[in-house]
Amino acid sequence: MGKYEFIKTPISGLIIVKTTQFKDERGFFIETYNEDIFRFNGITERFVQDNHSHSKKGVLRGLHFQFKHPQGKLVRVVKGRVFDVAVDLRKDSPTFGKWFGVELSEENHLEFYIPPHFAHGFLSLEDDTEFLYKCTDFYYPDDEGGIIWNDPQIGIEWPVDKVQEITISGKDKKLPKFEEVIKYL
């Protein structure tokens, strides 16, 4: 059984999960998820879908969420490095509209738990970055929402100085500002 450390963040519900790597001459082993241990540490949602993305350096994905089917996510990087961000969309939360970010990499083996009702995005800091995430609800294309990555009201401090150029999908470039989105939450 793997060893975990569950690290609370300044935003209630967001948790950094530090896993233990077991190395020997063959390579390494990491247990990345154990339902009993996660439940004991407050992550009780059931995961129903796993996703895997591959990104070049400078790719920014997000900030995404779903309105009627909010997804909690357990995210990690198996190759490369990202700056991962969650924005609190819980209207009754004292941190509503606040963000928290953490660097995830193949070296640090950190995982980041983002509960439902958060917007999520990441910036790839290396070429050939592979990002894995478990979701607590299925993806519904007709239910997706988003917030523009550089909204000044949220003020995310993306480490854009670590990349020469940011690449954003056409769809993500058209995402609305936070003040437009909160009308529908």
N, C-alpha and C. Protein backbone atom coordinates (compact mmCIF):
# COMPACT_ATOMS: atom_id res chain seq x y z
N MET A 1 0.85 -1.18 0.00
CA MET A 1 0.00 0.00 0.00
C MET A 1 0.88 1.23 0.00
N GLY A 2 0.50 2.22 -0.77
CA GLY A 2 1.28 3.44 -0.89
C GLY A 2 1.13 4.35 0.32
N LYS A 3 2.06 5.27 0.42
CA LYS A 3 2.03 6.25 1.49
C LYS A 3 1.65 7.59 0.89
N TYR A 4 0.74 8.30 1.54
CA TYR A 4 0.24 9.57 1.05
C TYR A 4 0.37 10.64 2.13
N GLU A 5 0.47 11.88 1.66
CA GLU A 5 0.34 13.03 2.54
C GLU A 5 -0.70 13.94 1.90
N PHE A 6 -1.73 14.32 2.66
CA PHE A 6 -2.81 15.17 2.16
C PHE A 6 -2.58 16.59 2.70
N ILE A 7 -2.30 17.52 1.80
CA ILE A 7 -1.91 18.88 2.18
C ILE A 7 -3.05 19.83 1.84
N LYS A 8 -3.57 20.50 2.87
CA LYS A 8 -4.65 21.47 2.65
C LYS A 8 -4.07 22.73 2.03
N THR A 9 -4.91 23.42 1.28
CA THR A 9 -4.52 24.68 0.63
C THR A 9 -5.31 25.82 1.26
N PRO A 10 -5.04 27.07 0.88
CA PRO A 10 -5.81 28.19 1.43
C PRO A 10 -7.28 28.20 1.02
N ILE A 11 -7.65 27.38 0.03
CA ILE A 11 -9.05 27.30 -0.40
C ILE A 11 -9.61 25.97 0.05
N SER A 12 -10.64 26.02 0.86
CA SER A 12 -11.26 24.83 1.42
C SER A 12 -11.66 23.85 0.31
N GLY A 13 -11.29 22.59 0.49
CA GLY A 13 -11.65 21.55 -0.46
C GLY A 13 -10.56 21.21 -1.45
N LEU A 14 -9.71 22.18 -1.78
CA LEU A 14 -8.58 21.89 -2.67
C LEU A 14 -7.48 21.21 -1.85
N ILE A 15 -7.01 20.08 -2.34
CA ILE A 15 -6.03 19.30 -1.59
C ILE A 15 -4.90 18.86 -2.51
N ILE A 16 -3.68 19.08 -2.06
CA ILE A 16 -2.50 18.55 -2.75
C ILE A 16 -2.21 17.19 -2.12
N VAL A 17 -2.04 16.19 -2.97
CA VAL A 17 -1.77 14.85 -2.48
C VAL A 17 -0.33 14.50 -2.87
N LYS A 18 0.48 14.26 -1.86
CA LYS A 18 1.87 13.88 -2.09
C LYS A 18 1.96 12.36 -1.99
N THR A 19 2.42 11.75 -3.07
CA THR A 19 2.55 10.29 -3.09
C THR A 19 4.00 9.90 -2.82
N THR A 20 4.20 8.66 -2.47
CA THR A 20 5.54 8.14 -2.21
C THR A 20 5.98 7.27 -3.37
N GLN A 21 7.19 7.52 -3.83
CA GLN A 21 7.77 6.73 -4.91
C GLN A 21 8.70 5.68 -4.30
N PHE A 22 8.52 4.44 -4.75
CA PHE A 22 9.39 3.35 -4.33
C PHE A 22 10.30 3.01 -5.51
N LYS A 23 11.61 3.27 -5.35
CA LYS A 23 12.57 3.07 -6.44
C LYS A 23 13.52 1.93 -6.11
N ASP A 24 13.91 1.23 -7.16
CA ASP A 24 15.00 0.27 -7.06
C ASP A 24 15.65 0.14 -8.43
N GLU A 25 16.50 -0.85 -8.60
CA GLU A 25 17.23 -1.00 -9.86
C GLU A 25 16.32 -1.25 -11.06
N ARG A 26 15.09 -1.68 -10.83
CA ARG A 26 14.15 -1.96 -11.92
C ARG A 26 13.45 -0.72 -12.42
N GLY A 27 13.36 0.30 -11.56
CA GLY A 27 12.60 1.51 -11.89
C GLY A 27 11.89 2.02 -10.65
N PHE A 28 10.60 2.32 -10.77
CA PHE A 28 9.88 2.82 -9.60
C PHE A 28 8.43 2.33 -9.63
N PHE A 29 7.78 2.48 -8.47
CA PHE A 29 6.36 2.17 -8.30
C PHE A 29 5.75 3.29 -7.46
N ILE A 30 4.55 3.74 -7.88
CA ILE A 30 3.79 4.73 -7.13
C ILE A 30 2.33 4.30 -7.12
N GLU A 31 1.76 4.22 -5.94
CA GLU A 31 0.30 4.05 -5.85
C GLU A 31 -0.29 5.44 -5.93
N THR A 32 -1.17 5.67 -6.91
CA THR A 32 -1.70 7.01 -7.13
C THR A 32 -3.12 7.21 -6.59
N TYR A 33 -3.80 6.13 -6.29
CA TYR A 33 -5.16 6.27 -5.77
C TYR A 33 -5.53 5.02 -4.98
N ASN A 34 -6.07 5.25 -3.79
CA ASN A 34 -6.59 4.18 -2.96
C ASN A 34 -7.88 4.71 -2.34
N GLU A 35 -9.01 4.16 -2.76
CA GLU A 35 -10.30 4.71 -2.35
C GLU A 35 -10.44 4.81 -0.84
N ASP A 36 -10.05 3.80 -0.10
CA ASP A 36 -10.19 3.83 1.35
C ASP A 36 -9.37 4.96 1.99
N ILE A 37 -8.14 5.12 1.55
CA ILE A 37 -7.27 6.16 2.11
C ILE A 37 -7.78 7.55 1.71
N PHE A 38 -8.20 7.71 0.49
CA PHE A 38 -8.72 9.01 0.06
C PHE A 38 -10.00 9.35 0.82
N ARG A 39 -10.90 8.39 0.99
CA ARG A 39 -12.14 8.64 1.74
C ARG A 39 -11.83 9.04 3.18
N PHE A 40 -10.88 8.34 3.80
CA PHE A 40 -10.49 8.65 5.17
C PHE A 40 -9.97 10.09 5.28
N ASN A 41 -9.39 10.59 4.21
CA ASN A 41 -8.82 11.94 4.19
C ASN A 41 -9.74 12.97 3.56
N GLY A 42 -11.03 12.65 3.42
CA GLY A 42 -12.03 13.63 3.02
C GLY A 42 -12.38 13.71 1.55
N ILE A 43 -11.74 12.89 0.73
CA ILE A 43 -12.06 12.88 -0.70
C ILE A 43 -12.99 11.69 -0.93
N THR A 44 -14.29 11.98 -0.87
CA THR A 44 -15.28 10.90 -0.83
C THR A 44 -16.00 10.67 -2.15
N GLU A 45 -15.81 11.56 -3.12
CA GLU A 45 -16.51 11.42 -4.39
C GLU A 45 -16.07 10.15 -5.12
N ARG A 46 -16.96 9.63 -5.91
CA ARG A 46 -16.69 8.45 -6.74
C ARG A 46 -16.19 8.94 -8.09
N PHE A 47 -15.10 8.39 -8.57
CA PHE A 47 -14.56 8.76 -9.87
C PHE A 47 -15.14 7.84 -10.94
N VAL A 48 -15.60 8.44 -12.06
CA VAL A 48 -16.31 7.67 -13.09
C VAL A 48 -15.66 7.75 -14.47
N GLN A 49 -14.68 8.63 -14.63
CA GLN A 49 -14.07 8.79 -15.95
C GLN A 49 -12.61 9.20 -15.78
N ASP A 50 -11.72 8.61 -16.57
CA ASP A 50 -10.31 8.98 -16.59
C ASP A 50 -10.00 9.62 -17.94
N ASN A 51 -9.18 10.68 -17.92
CA ASN A 51 -8.78 11.38 -19.14
C ASN A 51 -7.27 11.54 -19.17
N HIS A 52 -6.73 11.69 -20.38
CA HIS A 52 -5.30 11.81 -20.59
C HIS A 52 -5.09 12.84 -21.70
N SER A 53 -4.29 13.87 -21.43
CA SER A 53 -3.98 14.84 -22.48
C SER A 53 -2.47 14.94 -22.67
N HIS A 54 -2.08 15.32 -23.87
CA HIS A 54 -0.68 15.50 -24.24
C HIS A 54 -0.55 16.93 -24.74
N SER A 55 0.46 17.66 -24.27
CA SER A 55 0.59 19.07 -24.64
C SER A 55 2.04 19.44 -24.90
N LYS A 56 2.21 20.37 -25.83
CA LYS A 56 3.51 20.98 -26.06
C LYS A 56 3.74 22.06 -25.00
N LYS A 57 4.98 22.49 -24.87
CA LYS A 57 5.31 23.59 -23.98
C LYS A 57 4.53 24.83 -24.42
N GLY A 58 3.93 25.50 -23.44
CA GLY A 58 3.20 26.73 -23.72
C GLY A 58 1.72 26.55 -23.99
N VAL A 59 1.25 25.31 -24.03
CA VAL A 59 -0.18 25.09 -24.24
C VAL A 59 -0.91 25.41 -22.94
N LEU A 60 -1.94 26.25 -23.05
CA LEU A 60 -2.77 26.57 -21.90
C LEU A 60 -4.17 26.04 -22.18
N ARG A 61 -4.65 25.19 -21.29
CA ARG A 61 -5.99 24.61 -21.42
C ARG A 61 -6.84 25.11 -20.25
N GLY A 62 -7.98 25.70 -20.57
CA GLY A 62 -8.88 26.13 -19.51
C GLY A 62 -9.21 27.60 -19.63
N LEU A 63 -9.93 28.02 -18.70
CA LEU A 63 -10.44 27.46 -17.44
C LEU A 63 -11.80 26.82 -17.69
N HIS A 64 -11.96 25.54 -17.43
CA HIS A 64 -13.17 24.80 -17.79
C HIS A 64 -13.94 24.33 -16.56
N PHE A 65 -15.25 24.17 -16.74
CA PHE A 65 -16.13 23.58 -15.73
C PHE A 65 -17.41 23.14 -16.42
N GLN A 66 -18.28 22.45 -15.68
CA GLN A 66 -19.61 22.09 -16.17
C GLN A 66 -20.65 22.68 -15.22
N PHE A 67 -21.76 23.18 -15.78
CA PHE A 67 -22.79 23.85 -14.99
C PHE A 67 -23.64 22.86 -14.19
N LYS A 68 -24.36 21.97 -14.89
CA LYS A 68 -25.32 21.06 -14.25
C LYS A 68 -24.68 19.76 -13.77
N HIS A 69 -23.54 19.43 -14.32
CA HIS A 69 -22.83 18.19 -13.97
C HIS A 69 -21.41 18.54 -13.55
N PRO A 70 -21.24 19.27 -12.42
CA PRO A 70 -19.90 19.69 -12.02
C PRO A 70 -19.00 18.48 -11.76
N GLN A 71 -17.78 18.60 -12.22
CA GLN A 71 -16.82 17.50 -12.08
C GLN A 71 -15.78 17.83 -11.02
N GLY A 72 -15.61 16.91 -10.08
CA GLY A 72 -14.43 16.95 -9.24
C GLY A 72 -13.33 16.26 -10.03
N LYS A 73 -12.08 16.65 -9.78
CA LYS A 73 -10.97 16.07 -10.53
C LYS A 73 -9.80 15.76 -9.61
N LEU A 74 -9.14 14.66 -9.91
CA LEU A 74 -7.86 14.32 -9.29
C LEU A 74 -6.86 14.30 -10.43
N VAL A 75 -5.95 15.29 -10.44
CA VAL A 75 -5.07 15.49 -11.59
C VAL A 75 -3.62 15.21 -11.21
N ARG A 76 -2.84 14.77 -12.23
CA ARG A 76 -1.42 14.54 -12.02
C ARG A 76 -0.70 14.55 -13.36
N VAL A 77 0.60 14.70 -13.31
CA VAL A 77 1.44 14.71 -14.49
C VAL A 77 2.32 13.47 -14.45
N VAL A 78 2.36 12.73 -15.56
CA VAL A 78 3.24 11.55 -15.61
C VAL A 78 4.47 11.80 -16.47
N LYS A 79 4.44 12.88 -17.26
CA LYS A 79 5.61 13.27 -18.05
C LYS A 79 5.56 14.77 -18.23
N GLY A 80 6.68 15.44 -17.95
CA GLY A 80 6.73 16.89 -18.10
C GLY A 80 6.35 17.63 -16.85
N ARG A 81 5.77 18.83 -17.06
CA ARG A 81 5.49 19.72 -15.95
C ARG A 81 4.37 20.68 -16.33
N VAL A 82 3.47 20.98 -15.40
CA VAL A 82 2.41 21.97 -15.62
C VAL A 82 2.27 22.87 -14.41
N PHE A 83 1.69 24.04 -14.66
CA PHE A 83 1.17 24.88 -13.58
C PHE A 83 -0.33 24.69 -13.62
N ASP A 84 -0.88 24.09 -12.58
CA ASP A 84 -2.28 23.71 -12.54
C ASP A 84 -3.05 24.68 -11.64
N VAL A 85 -4.24 25.09 -12.08
CA VAL A 85 -5.00 26.13 -11.40
C VAL A 85 -6.46 25.71 -11.21
N ALA A 86 -7.00 26.05 -10.04
CA ALA A 86 -8.43 25.88 -9.76
C ALA A 86 -8.98 27.21 -9.26
N VAL A 87 -10.20 27.55 -9.73
CA VAL A 87 -10.88 28.78 -9.33
C VAL A 87 -12.19 28.39 -8.65
N ASP A 88 -12.41 28.89 -7.46
CA ASP A 88 -13.60 28.57 -6.66
C ASP A 88 -14.85 29.21 -7.27
N LEU A 89 -15.81 28.36 -7.68
CA LEU A 89 -17.09 28.83 -8.24
C LEU A 89 -18.26 28.58 -7.30
N ARG A 90 -17.97 28.26 -6.05
CA ARG A 90 -19.03 28.03 -5.06
C ARG A 90 -19.49 29.38 -4.53
N LYS A 91 -20.69 29.80 -4.93
CA LYS A 91 -21.18 31.14 -4.58
C LYS A 91 -21.24 31.40 -3.08
N ASP A 92 -21.46 30.36 -2.28
CA ASP A 92 -21.56 30.53 -0.83
C ASP A 92 -20.22 30.39 -0.12
N SER A 93 -19.14 30.28 -0.87
CA SER A 93 -17.81 30.09 -0.30
C SER A 93 -17.16 31.44 0.02
N PRO A 94 -16.43 31.53 1.14
CA PRO A 94 -15.71 32.77 1.44
C PRO A 94 -14.57 33.03 0.44
N THR A 95 -14.20 32.00 -0.35
CA THR A 95 -13.13 32.17 -1.34
C THR A 95 -13.69 32.16 -2.78
N PHE A 96 -14.98 32.46 -2.93
CA PHE A 96 -15.61 32.52 -4.24
C PHE A 96 -14.81 33.46 -5.15
N GLY A 97 -14.45 32.97 -6.34
CA GLY A 97 -13.70 33.78 -7.29
C GLY A 97 -12.20 33.79 -7.07
N LYS A 98 -11.73 33.14 -6.01
CA LYS A 98 -10.29 33.07 -5.73
C LYS A 98 -9.68 31.86 -6.43
N TRP A 99 -8.40 31.93 -6.65
CA TRP A 99 -7.70 30.85 -7.35
C TRP A 99 -6.54 30.33 -6.50
N PHE A 100 -6.15 29.11 -6.83
CA PHE A 100 -4.95 28.51 -6.24
C PHE A 100 -4.26 27.72 -7.34
N GLY A 101 -2.94 27.79 -7.36
CA GLY A 101 -2.18 27.06 -8.37
C GLY A 101 -1.04 26.28 -7.74
N VAL A 102 -0.67 25.19 -8.41
CA VAL A 102 0.41 24.34 -7.94
C VAL A 102 1.14 23.75 -9.15
N GLU A 103 2.45 23.60 -9.04
CA GLU A 103 3.20 22.96 -10.10
C GLU A 103 3.18 21.45 -9.88
N LEU A 104 2.77 20.74 -10.92
CA LEU A 104 2.74 19.28 -10.91
C LEU A 104 3.77 18.80 -11.93
N SER A 105 4.52 17.75 -11.57
CA SER A 105 5.53 17.28 -12.50
C SER A 105 5.78 15.79 -12.32
N GLU A 106 6.47 15.23 -13.29
CA GLU A 106 6.85 13.82 -13.18
C GLU A 106 7.86 13.62 -12.06
N GLU A 107 8.58 14.67 -11.68
CA GLU A 107 9.56 14.55 -10.60
C GLU A 107 8.93 14.65 -9.21
N ASN A 108 7.96 15.57 -9.04
CA ASN A 108 7.43 15.76 -7.68
C ASN A 108 6.30 14.81 -7.33
N HIS A 109 5.71 14.14 -8.31
CA HIS A 109 4.66 13.14 -8.08
C HIS A 109 3.48 13.66 -7.27
N LEU A 110 3.24 14.97 -7.33
CA LEU A 110 2.09 15.53 -6.63
C LEU A 110 0.83 15.30 -7.44
N GLU A 111 -0.26 15.13 -6.72
CA GLU A 111 -1.59 15.09 -7.32
C GLU A 111 -2.35 16.28 -6.73
N PHE A 112 -3.37 16.72 -7.45
CA PHE A 112 -4.14 17.87 -7.00
C PHE A 112 -5.61 17.49 -7.09
N TYR A 113 -6.29 17.54 -5.94
CA TYR A 113 -7.72 17.24 -5.91
C TYR A 113 -8.49 18.55 -5.97
N ILE A 114 -9.39 18.62 -6.96
CA ILE A 114 -10.23 19.78 -7.18
C ILE A 114 -11.68 19.31 -7.07
N PRO A 115 -12.41 19.74 -6.04
CA PRO A 115 -13.79 19.27 -5.89
C PRO A 115 -14.71 19.85 -6.97
N PRO A 116 -15.93 19.32 -7.06
CA PRO A 116 -16.91 19.92 -7.98
C PRO A 116 -17.10 21.41 -7.67
N HIS A 117 -17.56 22.16 -8.66
CA HIS A 117 -17.86 23.59 -8.55
C HIS A 117 -16.60 24.45 -8.54
N PHE A 118 -15.58 24.00 -9.27
CA PHE A 118 -14.38 24.80 -9.50
C PHE A 118 -14.13 24.84 -11.00
N ALA A 119 -13.59 25.95 -11.48
CA ALA A 119 -13.06 26.00 -12.85
C ALA A 119 -11.62 25.50 -12.77
N HIS A 120 -11.17 24.85 -13.83
CA HIS A 120 -9.85 24.23 -13.83
C HIS A 120 -9.12 24.50 -15.13
N GLY A 121 -7.82 24.69 -15.03
CA GLY A 121 -6.98 24.85 -16.21
C GLY A 121 -5.53 24.61 -15.87
N PHE A 122 -4.71 24.48 -16.93
CA PHE A 122 -3.28 24.33 -16.69
C PHE A 122 -2.47 24.87 -17.85
N LEU A 123 -1.23 25.21 -17.54
CA LEU A 123 -0.24 25.67 -18.52
C LEU A 123 0.88 24.65 -18.55
N SER A 124 1.13 24.09 -19.73
CA SER A 124 2.22 23.13 -19.88
C SER A 124 3.56 23.87 -19.90
N LEU A 125 4.47 23.46 -19.04
CA LEU A 125 5.77 24.12 -18.90
C LEU A 125 6.89 23.40 -19.63
N GLU A 126 6.58 22.23 -20.24
CA GLU A 126 7.58 21.46 -20.98
C GLU A 126 6.91 20.82 -22.18
N ASP A 127 7.71 20.55 -23.21
CA ASP A 127 7.22 19.78 -24.36
C ASP A 127 6.88 18.37 -23.92
N ASP A 128 5.98 17.75 -24.64
CA ASP A 128 5.58 16.35 -24.41
C ASP A 128 5.06 16.11 -23.00
N THR A 129 4.32 17.06 -22.47
CA THR A 129 3.74 16.89 -21.13
C THR A 129 2.50 16.01 -21.23
N GLU A 130 2.43 15.03 -20.34
CA GLU A 130 1.27 14.14 -20.28
C GLU A 130 0.58 14.33 -18.95
N PHE A 131 -0.70 14.64 -19.04
CA PHE A 131 -1.53 15.05 -17.91
C PHE A 131 -2.68 14.05 -17.78
N LEU A 132 -2.85 13.47 -16.60
CA LEU A 132 -3.91 12.50 -16.35
C LEU A 132 -4.87 13.06 -15.31
N TYR A 133 -6.16 12.78 -15.51
CA TYR A 133 -7.10 13.19 -14.48
C TYR A 133 -8.32 12.27 -14.42
N LYS A 134 -8.72 12.05 -13.17
CA LYS A 134 -9.92 11.29 -12.85
C LYS A 134 -11.04 12.31 -12.61
N CYS A 135 -12.25 11.99 -13.06
CA CYS A 135 -13.39 12.90 -12.90
C CYS A 135 -14.52 12.23 -12.14
N THR A 136 -15.26 13.04 -11.38
CA THR A 136 -16.37 12.51 -10.60
C THR A 136 -17.69 12.51 -11.36
N ASP A 137 -17.71 13.08 -12.55
CA ASP A 137 -18.89 13.02 -13.41
C ASP A 137 -18.40 12.93 -14.84
N PHE A 138 -19.29 12.53 -15.72
CA PHE A 138 -18.93 12.37 -17.12
C PHE A 138 -18.86 13.73 -17.80
N TYR A 139 -18.20 13.77 -18.94
CA TYR A 139 -18.12 14.97 -19.75
C TYR A 139 -19.41 15.10 -20.58
N TYR A 140 -20.04 16.25 -20.46
CA TYR A 140 -21.24 16.57 -21.23
C TYR A 140 -20.95 17.82 -22.06
N PRO A 141 -20.72 17.67 -23.36
CA PRO A 141 -20.37 18.82 -24.21
C PRO A 141 -21.38 19.96 -24.14
N ASP A 142 -22.67 19.65 -24.00
CA ASP A 142 -23.69 20.69 -23.96
C ASP A 142 -23.75 21.43 -22.62
N ASP A 143 -22.99 20.94 -21.65
CA ASP A 143 -23.03 21.51 -20.30
C ASP A 143 -21.75 22.28 -19.95
N GLU A 144 -20.79 22.30 -20.86
CA GLU A 144 -19.51 22.89 -20.50
C GLU A 144 -19.56 24.41 -20.44
N GLY A 145 -18.76 24.93 -19.53
CA GLY A 145 -18.60 26.36 -19.39
C GLY A 145 -17.13 26.67 -19.24
N GLY A 146 -16.81 27.94 -19.20
CA GLY A 146 -15.42 28.32 -19.04
C GLY A 146 -15.28 29.80 -18.75
N ILE A 147 -14.09 30.15 -18.33
CA ILE A 147 -13.71 31.53 -18.03
C ILE A 147 -12.40 31.79 -18.75
N ILE A 148 -12.26 32.96 -19.33
CA ILE A 148 -11.03 33.30 -20.04
C ILE A 148 -9.84 33.23 -19.07
N TRP A 149 -8.76 32.67 -19.54
CA TRP A 149 -7.59 32.36 -18.71
C TRP A 149 -6.95 33.57 -18.06
N ASN A 150 -7.04 34.73 -18.69
CA ASN A 150 -6.33 35.92 -18.19
C ASN A 150 -7.28 36.99 -17.64
N ASP A 151 -8.42 36.58 -17.13
CA ASP A 151 -9.39 37.53 -16.58
C ASP A 151 -8.74 38.33 -15.45
N PRO A 152 -8.69 39.66 -15.56
CA PRO A 152 -8.04 40.45 -14.52
C PRO A 152 -8.78 40.42 -13.18
N GLN A 153 -10.07 40.15 -13.19
CA GLN A 153 -10.82 40.09 -11.93
C GLN A 153 -10.35 38.91 -11.09
N ILE A 154 -10.01 37.80 -11.73
CA ILE A 154 -9.49 36.64 -10.99
C ILE A 154 -8.00 36.84 -10.71
N GLY A 155 -7.25 37.30 -11.69
CA GLY A 155 -5.85 37.66 -11.48
C GLY A 155 -4.89 36.50 -11.30
N ILE A 156 -5.09 35.43 -12.04
CA ILE A 156 -4.18 34.28 -11.92
C ILE A 156 -2.78 34.69 -12.34
N GLU A 157 -1.82 34.33 -11.54
CA GLU A 157 -0.42 34.63 -11.82
C GLU A 157 0.21 33.44 -12.55
N TRP A 158 -0.13 33.32 -13.83
CA TRP A 158 0.42 32.24 -14.66
C TRP A 158 1.93 32.46 -14.83
N PRO A 159 2.74 31.41 -14.78
CA PRO A 159 4.18 31.56 -14.98
C PRO A 159 4.54 31.64 -16.46
N VAL A 160 3.99 32.64 -17.14
CA VAL A 160 4.18 32.76 -18.58
C VAL A 160 5.63 33.09 -18.94
N ASP A 161 6.41 33.53 -17.99
CA ASP A 161 7.82 33.80 -18.24
C ASP A 161 8.62 32.51 -18.46
N LYS A 162 8.01 31.37 -18.14
CA LYS A 162 8.68 30.07 -18.31
C LYS A 162 8.43 29.47 -19.68
N VAL A 163 7.64 30.13 -20.51
CA VAL A 163 7.36 29.66 -21.87
C VAL A 163 7.56 30.83 -22.83
N GLN A 164 7.98 30.53 -24.06
CA GLN A 164 8.21 31.59 -25.04
C GLN A 164 6.89 32.10 -25.62
N GLU A 165 5.95 31.20 -25.79
CA GLU A 165 4.70 31.55 -26.45
C GLU A 165 3.58 30.70 -25.86
N ILE A 166 2.42 31.31 -25.67
CA ILE A 166 1.26 30.57 -25.16
C ILE A 166 0.39 30.16 -26.34
N THR A 167 -0.04 28.90 -26.34
CA THR A 167 -0.95 28.39 -27.36
C THR A 167 -2.28 28.06 -26.69
N ILE A 168 -3.34 28.65 -27.21
CA ILE A 168 -4.68 28.47 -26.65
C ILE A 168 -5.61 28.07 -27.79
N SER A 169 -6.51 27.15 -27.52
CA SER A 169 -7.46 26.74 -28.57
C SER A 169 -8.36 27.92 -28.94
N GLY A 170 -8.91 27.86 -30.14
CA GLY A 170 -9.85 28.89 -30.58
C GLY A 170 -11.03 29.01 -29.65
N LYS A 171 -11.51 27.86 -29.18
CA LYS A 171 -12.65 27.83 -28.26
C LYS A 171 -12.31 28.52 -26.94
N ASP A 172 -11.12 28.23 -26.40
CA ASP A 172 -10.73 28.83 -25.12
C ASP A 172 -10.45 30.32 -25.24
N LYS A 173 -10.03 30.79 -26.41
CA LYS A 173 -9.80 32.22 -26.62
C LYS A 173 -11.10 33.02 -26.53
N LYS A 174 -12.22 32.35 -26.79
CA LYS A 174 -13.53 33.03 -26.81
C LYS A 174 -14.28 32.92 -25.49
N LEU A 175 -13.68 32.31 -24.48
CA LEU A 175 -14.38 32.14 -23.20
C LEU A 175 -14.68 33.50 -22.57
N PRO A 176 -15.81 33.60 -21.86
CA PRO A 176 -16.20 34.87 -21.25
C PRO A 176 -15.40 35.18 -19.98
N LYS A 177 -15.56 36.41 -19.54
CA LYS A 177 -14.95 36.82 -18.27
C LYS A 177 -15.78 36.29 -17.10
N PHE A 178 -15.15 36.26 -15.95
CA PHE A 178 -15.77 35.78 -14.71
C PHE A 178 -17.09 36.49 -14.43
N GLU A 179 -17.13 37.81 -14.59
CA GLU A 179 -18.35 38.56 -14.27
C GLU A 179 -19.54 38.13 -15.14
N GLU A 180 -19.29 37.63 -16.34
CA GLU A 180 -20.36 37.13 -17.19
C GLU A 180 -20.81 35.75 -16.75
N VAL A 181 -19.88 34.93 -16.34
CA VAL A 181 -20.17 33.54 -15.95
C VAL A 181 -20.98 33.47 -14.66
N ILE A 182 -20.66 34.33 -13.69
CA ILE A 182 -21.31 34.19 -12.37
C ILE A 182 -22.81 34.43 -12.43
N LYS A 183 -23.30 35.04 -13.47
CA LYS A 183 -24.75 35.24 -13.62
C LYS A 183 -25.49 33.91 -13.77
N TYR A 184 -24.78 32.89 -14.25
CA TYR A 184 -25.39 31.59 -14.55
C TYR A 184 -25.06 30.50 -13.55
N LEU A 185 -24.29 30.83 -12.52
CA LEU A 185 -23.92 29.80 -11.53
C LEU A 185 -25.01 29.57 -10.53
